[in-house]
Amino acid sequence: MNYQEVLNKLENNELSPELAYKELYPEPKKKYGKRAFFIKLKIHVPEEGKGINTFLRVLFAIPIPMIFARLGLRLASRFADVGDEVDFKEISKLLKYSKHTRVSVDSNDAQIDIKIM
């Protein structure tokens, strides 16, 4: 139906206002972001020596495939004691469709940079 037909039916009480609204403004399709395939990590621990930081740099030199990151989240959900506060399935879904996202965490203990590719 076009705009005028919907308004005429609404005026003649053939449609309820809710149905008329749904006819005029249909719900848009959900669009997901681009699918991510890798995660690149950079971790720097200032209090540790040069050896630990070099080991972390070498360990995470190659991007991690998304399947291993999501597997790690699944394992974390089994052993983490956070209750209902964190929904690991939702985080996994967000990771899957979050290409070109970068998260930086700076704290006194460590500096972490996560780049999703």
N, C-alpha and C. Protein backbone atom coordinates (compact mmCIF):
# COMPACT_ATOMS: atom_id res chain seq x y z
N MET A 1 0.84 -1.18 0.00
CA MET A 1 0.00 0.00 0.00
C MET A 1 0.88 1.24 0.00
N ASN A 2 0.36 2.27 -0.64
CA ASN A 2 1.12 3.52 -0.61
C ASN A 2 0.63 4.39 0.55
N TYR A 3 1.26 5.52 0.68
CA TYR A 3 1.02 6.41 1.81
C TYR A 3 -0.44 6.87 1.87
N GLN A 4 -0.98 7.31 0.74
CA GLN A 4 -2.35 7.83 0.71
C GLN A 4 -3.38 6.75 1.03
N GLU A 5 -3.18 5.53 0.51
CA GLU A 5 -4.12 4.44 0.79
C GLU A 5 -4.16 4.11 2.27
N VAL A 6 -3.02 4.09 2.90
CA VAL A 6 -2.96 3.79 4.34
C VAL A 6 -3.68 4.87 5.13
N LEU A 7 -3.46 6.13 4.76
CA LEU A 7 -4.14 7.21 5.49
C LEU A 7 -5.65 7.19 5.27
N ASN A 8 -6.09 6.84 4.07
CA ASN A 8 -7.53 6.72 3.81
C ASN A 8 -8.15 5.60 4.63
N LYS A 9 -7.49 4.45 4.70
CA LYS A 9 -8.00 3.33 5.50
C LYS A 9 -8.01 3.67 6.99
N LEU A 10 -7.02 4.43 7.42
CA LEU A 10 -6.97 4.85 8.82
C LEU A 10 -8.12 5.81 9.11
N GLU A 11 -8.40 6.70 8.19
CA GLU A 11 -9.49 7.66 8.36
C GLU A 11 -10.85 6.96 8.39
N ASN A 12 -11.02 5.89 7.61
CA ASN A 12 -12.28 5.15 7.57
C ASN A 12 -12.36 4.06 8.63
N ASN A 13 -11.43 4.03 9.56
CA ASN A 13 -11.34 3.06 10.64
C ASN A 13 -11.22 1.61 10.14
N GLU A 14 -10.62 1.43 8.99
CA GLU A 14 -10.35 0.08 8.48
C GLU A 14 -9.04 -0.47 9.01
N LEU A 15 -8.17 0.42 9.47
CA LEU A 15 -6.88 0.04 10.06
C LEU A 15 -6.74 0.69 11.42
N SER A 16 -6.09 -0.02 12.33
CA SER A 16 -5.78 0.59 13.62
C SER A 16 -4.54 1.47 13.44
N PRO A 17 -4.35 2.43 14.33
CA PRO A 17 -3.17 3.28 14.21
C PRO A 17 -1.84 2.50 14.25
N GLU A 18 -1.81 1.43 15.04
CA GLU A 18 -0.59 0.63 15.14
C GLU A 18 -0.27 -0.06 13.81
N LEU A 19 -1.32 -0.66 13.18
CA LEU A 19 -1.11 -1.32 11.90
C LEU A 19 -0.76 -0.31 10.80
N ALA A 20 -1.38 0.86 10.86
CA ALA A 20 -1.06 1.90 9.88
C ALA A 20 0.39 2.33 10.02
N TYR A 21 0.85 2.47 11.24
CA TYR A 21 2.24 2.84 11.48
C TYR A 21 3.19 1.77 10.92
N LYS A 22 2.85 0.49 11.16
CA LYS A 22 3.69 -0.59 10.65
C LYS A 22 3.69 -0.63 9.12
N GLU A 23 2.57 -0.27 8.50
CA GLU A 23 2.51 -0.24 7.03
C GLU A 23 3.35 0.91 6.48
N LEU A 24 3.29 2.05 7.16
CA LEU A 24 4.02 3.22 6.67
C LEU A 24 5.52 3.13 6.96
N TYR A 25 5.87 2.58 8.10
CA TYR A 25 7.27 2.52 8.52
C TYR A 25 7.66 1.09 8.88
N PRO A 26 7.95 0.26 7.88
CA PRO A 26 8.34 -1.13 8.19
C PRO A 26 9.69 -1.15 8.90
N GLU A 27 9.88 -2.20 9.71
CA GLU A 27 11.14 -2.32 10.44
C GLU A 27 12.28 -2.56 9.45
N PRO A 28 13.38 -1.83 9.61
CA PRO A 28 14.51 -2.05 8.70
C PRO A 28 15.17 -3.39 8.99
N LYS A 29 15.78 -3.96 7.98
CA LYS A 29 16.49 -5.22 8.16
C LYS A 29 17.71 -4.97 9.02
N LYS A 30 18.04 -5.94 9.85
CA LYS A 30 19.22 -5.82 10.68
C LYS A 30 20.46 -5.93 9.81
N LYS A 31 21.35 -4.99 9.99
CA LYS A 31 22.61 -5.02 9.27
C LYS A 31 23.72 -5.33 10.26
N TYR A 32 24.45 -6.35 9.94
CA TYR A 32 25.60 -6.67 10.76
C TYR A 32 26.82 -5.97 10.17
N GLY A 33 27.83 -5.80 11.00
CA GLY A 33 29.07 -5.23 10.51
C GLY A 33 29.78 -6.23 9.63
N LYS A 34 30.92 -5.82 9.17
CA LYS A 34 31.70 -6.73 8.33
C LYS A 34 32.28 -7.84 9.20
N ARG A 35 32.38 -9.00 8.63
CA ARG A 35 32.84 -10.17 9.36
C ARG A 35 34.35 -10.10 9.57
N ALA A 36 34.77 -10.34 10.79
CA ALA A 36 36.19 -10.31 11.13
C ALA A 36 36.78 -11.72 11.02
N PHE A 37 38.06 -11.78 10.69
CA PHE A 37 38.72 -13.07 10.53
C PHE A 37 39.91 -13.26 11.47
N PHE A 38 40.52 -12.16 11.93
CA PHE A 38 41.71 -12.25 12.77
C PHE A 38 41.66 -11.22 13.89
N ILE A 39 42.42 -11.52 14.96
CA ILE A 39 42.61 -10.59 16.06
C ILE A 39 44.11 -10.43 16.26
N LYS A 40 44.55 -9.18 16.34
CA LYS A 40 45.97 -8.89 16.57
C LYS A 40 46.09 -8.27 17.95
N LEU A 41 46.96 -8.84 18.78
CA LEU A 41 47.16 -8.37 20.14
C LEU A 41 48.55 -7.78 20.32
N LYS A 42 48.62 -6.70 21.08
CA LYS A 42 49.90 -6.15 21.52
C LYS A 42 49.77 -5.96 23.03
N ILE A 43 50.66 -6.60 23.77
CA ILE A 43 50.61 -6.53 25.23
C ILE A 43 51.97 -6.05 25.72
N HIS A 44 51.94 -5.04 26.59
CA HIS A 44 53.18 -4.52 27.19
C HIS A 44 52.96 -4.42 28.70
N VAL A 45 53.83 -5.07 29.45
CA VAL A 45 53.75 -5.05 30.91
C VAL A 45 54.95 -4.26 31.41
N PRO A 46 54.75 -3.01 31.85
CA PRO A 46 55.89 -2.16 32.21
C PRO A 46 56.70 -2.65 33.41
N GLU A 47 56.07 -3.31 34.37
CA GLU A 47 56.79 -3.74 35.57
C GLU A 47 57.68 -4.96 35.32
N GLU A 48 57.39 -5.72 34.29
CA GLU A 48 58.19 -6.90 33.98
C GLU A 48 59.42 -6.48 33.18
N GLY A 49 60.34 -7.38 33.11
CA GLY A 49 61.58 -7.09 32.39
C GLY A 49 61.40 -7.14 30.89
N LYS A 50 62.51 -6.88 30.22
CA LYS A 50 62.50 -6.87 28.76
C LYS A 50 62.20 -8.26 28.19
N GLY A 51 62.61 -9.29 28.90
CA GLY A 51 62.41 -10.67 28.43
C GLY A 51 60.94 -11.04 28.31
N ILE A 52 60.13 -10.69 29.31
CA ILE A 52 58.70 -11.01 29.29
C ILE A 52 58.01 -10.25 28.16
N ASN A 53 58.33 -8.97 28.02
CA ASN A 53 57.70 -8.18 26.97
C ASN A 53 58.11 -8.67 25.58
N THR A 54 59.35 -9.11 25.43
CA THR A 54 59.79 -9.67 24.15
C THR A 54 59.07 -10.98 23.88
N PHE A 55 58.90 -11.82 24.91
CA PHE A 55 58.17 -13.07 24.76
C PHE A 55 56.72 -12.82 24.32
N LEU A 56 56.05 -11.84 24.94
CA LEU A 56 54.67 -11.51 24.56
C LEU A 56 54.60 -10.97 23.14
N ARG A 57 55.59 -10.17 22.74
CA ARG A 57 55.61 -9.63 21.38
C ARG A 57 55.78 -10.75 20.36
N VAL A 58 56.65 -11.72 20.66
CA VAL A 58 56.86 -12.85 19.75
C VAL A 58 55.64 -13.77 19.75
N LEU A 59 55.05 -14.01 20.92
CA LEU A 59 53.89 -14.89 21.04
C LEU A 59 52.71 -14.38 20.22
N PHE A 60 52.50 -13.07 20.22
CA PHE A 60 51.36 -12.49 19.51
C PHE A 60 51.78 -11.76 18.24
N ALA A 61 52.90 -12.15 17.64
CA ALA A 61 53.37 -11.50 16.41
C ALA A 61 52.45 -11.81 15.24
N ILE A 62 51.91 -13.00 15.20
CA ILE A 62 51.02 -13.41 14.12
C ILE A 62 49.58 -13.22 14.60
N PRO A 63 48.72 -12.65 13.75
CA PRO A 63 47.30 -12.49 14.15
C PRO A 63 46.64 -13.84 14.46
N ILE A 64 45.79 -13.83 15.45
CA ILE A 64 45.09 -15.03 15.89
C ILE A 64 43.81 -15.19 15.05
N PRO A 65 43.57 -16.36 14.47
CA PRO A 65 42.31 -16.56 13.74
C PRO A 65 41.11 -16.43 14.67
N MET A 66 40.04 -15.90 14.13
CA MET A 66 38.83 -15.63 14.93
C MET A 66 38.27 -16.90 15.57
N ILE A 67 38.42 -18.04 14.92
CA ILE A 67 37.88 -19.28 15.47
C ILE A 67 38.56 -19.62 16.81
N PHE A 68 39.86 -19.33 16.93
CA PHE A 68 40.55 -19.60 18.19
C PHE A 68 40.16 -18.58 19.26
N ALA A 69 39.92 -17.34 18.85
CA ALA A 69 39.49 -16.32 19.82
C ALA A 69 38.11 -16.66 20.38
N ARG A 70 37.20 -17.10 19.50
CA ARG A 70 35.86 -17.47 19.96
C ARG A 70 35.90 -18.74 20.80
N LEU A 71 36.80 -19.65 20.48
CA LEU A 71 36.99 -20.85 21.30
C LEU A 71 37.50 -20.47 22.68
N GLY A 72 38.42 -19.52 22.73
CA GLY A 72 38.92 -19.02 24.02
C GLY A 72 37.82 -18.38 24.85
N LEU A 73 36.92 -17.66 24.20
CA LEU A 73 35.78 -17.08 24.93
C LEU A 73 34.87 -18.16 25.48
N ARG A 74 34.67 -19.21 24.69
CA ARG A 74 33.83 -20.31 25.15
C ARG A 74 34.45 -20.99 26.37
N LEU A 75 35.78 -21.17 26.35
CA LEU A 75 36.46 -21.75 27.51
C LEU A 75 36.40 -20.80 28.71
N ALA A 76 36.53 -19.51 28.45
CA ALA A 76 36.48 -18.53 29.54
C ALA A 76 35.10 -18.52 30.20
N SER A 77 34.06 -18.74 29.41
CA SER A 77 32.71 -18.74 29.99
C SER A 77 32.51 -19.90 30.95
N ARG A 78 33.21 -21.00 30.71
CA ARG A 78 33.08 -22.15 31.62
C ARG A 78 33.77 -21.91 32.96
N PHE A 79 34.91 -21.24 32.92
CA PHE A 79 35.72 -21.10 34.13
C PHE A 79 35.58 -19.75 34.81
N ALA A 80 35.02 -18.75 34.14
CA ALA A 80 34.88 -17.43 34.74
C ALA A 80 33.73 -17.43 35.73
N ASP A 81 33.92 -16.75 36.84
CA ASP A 81 32.90 -16.66 37.87
C ASP A 81 32.36 -15.23 37.90
N VAL A 82 31.58 -14.86 36.86
CA VAL A 82 31.03 -13.51 36.79
C VAL A 82 29.52 -13.49 36.91
N GLY A 83 28.90 -14.63 37.01
CA GLY A 83 27.44 -14.70 37.16
C GLY A 83 26.73 -14.32 35.88
N ASP A 84 25.67 -13.56 36.01
CA ASP A 84 24.89 -13.15 34.84
C ASP A 84 25.33 -11.80 34.29
N GLU A 85 26.40 -11.25 34.81
CA GLU A 85 26.83 -9.92 34.41
C GLU A 85 27.39 -9.89 32.99
N VAL A 86 28.04 -10.97 32.56
CA VAL A 86 28.69 -11.01 31.25
C VAL A 86 28.06 -12.12 30.42
N ASP A 87 27.60 -11.77 29.22
CA ASP A 87 27.03 -12.74 28.31
C ASP A 87 28.08 -13.06 27.25
N PHE A 88 28.78 -14.19 27.42
CA PHE A 88 29.88 -14.55 26.54
C PHE A 88 29.41 -14.86 25.13
N LYS A 89 28.19 -15.34 24.98
CA LYS A 89 27.67 -15.60 23.62
C LYS A 89 27.49 -14.30 22.86
N GLU A 90 27.02 -13.28 23.55
CA GLU A 90 26.84 -11.97 22.90
C GLU A 90 28.19 -11.35 22.55
N ILE A 91 29.16 -11.50 23.42
CA ILE A 91 30.50 -10.99 23.13
C ILE A 91 31.09 -11.71 21.93
N SER A 92 30.89 -13.01 21.85
CA SER A 92 31.39 -13.78 20.72
C SER A 92 30.74 -13.32 19.42
N LYS A 93 29.46 -13.05 19.46
CA LYS A 93 28.75 -12.58 18.27
C LYS A 93 29.24 -11.19 17.88
N LEU A 94 29.47 -10.34 18.86
CA LEU A 94 29.99 -9.00 18.56
C LEU A 94 31.38 -9.07 17.95
N LEU A 95 32.21 -9.97 18.45
CA LEU A 95 33.55 -10.13 17.89
C LEU A 95 33.51 -10.58 16.44
N LYS A 96 32.59 -11.47 16.16
CA LYS A 96 32.50 -12.06 14.82
C LYS A 96 32.21 -10.99 13.76
N TYR A 97 31.41 -9.99 14.10
CA TYR A 97 31.01 -8.96 13.13
C TYR A 97 31.54 -7.58 13.53
N SER A 98 32.78 -7.48 13.88
CA SER A 98 33.32 -6.19 14.30
C SER A 98 34.65 -5.87 13.61
N LYS A 99 34.71 -6.10 12.32
CA LYS A 99 35.93 -5.83 11.57
C LYS A 99 36.26 -4.34 11.64
N HIS A 100 37.55 -4.03 11.64
CA HIS A 100 38.08 -2.66 11.69
C HIS A 100 37.79 -2.00 13.04
N THR A 101 37.81 -2.78 14.11
CA THR A 101 37.60 -2.24 15.46
C THR A 101 38.91 -2.33 16.21
N ARG A 102 39.17 -1.32 17.02
CA ARG A 102 40.40 -1.31 17.82
C ARG A 102 40.03 -0.96 19.26
N VAL A 103 40.57 -1.73 20.20
CA VAL A 103 40.32 -1.50 21.63
C VAL A 103 41.68 -1.35 22.31
N SER A 104 41.84 -0.26 23.04
CA SER A 104 43.07 -0.04 23.80
C SER A 104 42.73 0.01 25.28
N VAL A 105 43.50 -0.74 26.06
CA VAL A 105 43.31 -0.78 27.50
C VAL A 105 44.62 -0.34 28.14
N ASP A 106 44.58 0.76 28.87
CA ASP A 106 45.76 1.25 29.58
C ASP A 106 45.48 1.20 31.07
N SER A 107 46.31 0.49 31.78
CA SER A 107 46.18 0.43 33.24
C SER A 107 47.57 0.52 33.83
N ASN A 108 47.63 0.51 35.13
CA ASN A 108 48.93 0.56 35.80
C ASN A 108 49.70 -0.75 35.60
N ASP A 109 48.97 -1.86 35.43
CA ASP A 109 49.60 -3.17 35.32
C ASP A 109 50.05 -3.51 33.91
N ALA A 110 49.28 -3.12 32.90
CA ALA A 110 49.62 -3.51 31.53
C ALA A 110 48.95 -2.57 30.53
N GLN A 111 49.51 -2.58 29.32
CA GLN A 111 48.93 -1.84 28.21
C GLN A 111 48.60 -2.86 27.13
N ILE A 112 47.32 -2.92 26.76
CA ILE A 112 46.86 -3.92 25.81
C ILE A 112 46.18 -3.22 24.64
N ASP A 113 46.55 -3.62 23.43
CA ASP A 113 45.95 -3.07 22.23
C ASP A 113 45.40 -4.25 21.43
N ILE A 114 44.09 -4.25 21.19
CA ILE A 114 43.42 -5.32 20.45
C ILE A 114 42.91 -4.74 19.15
N LYS A 115 43.33 -5.30 18.04
CA LYS A 115 42.88 -4.85 16.72
C LYS A 115 42.19 -6.02 16.04
N ILE A 116 40.94 -5.81 15.65
CA ILE A 116 40.15 -6.87 15.01
C ILE A 116 40.18 -6.62 13.51
N MET A 117 40.65 -7.65 12.78
CA MET A 117 40.80 -7.51 11.33
C MET A 117 39.92 -8.51 10.61
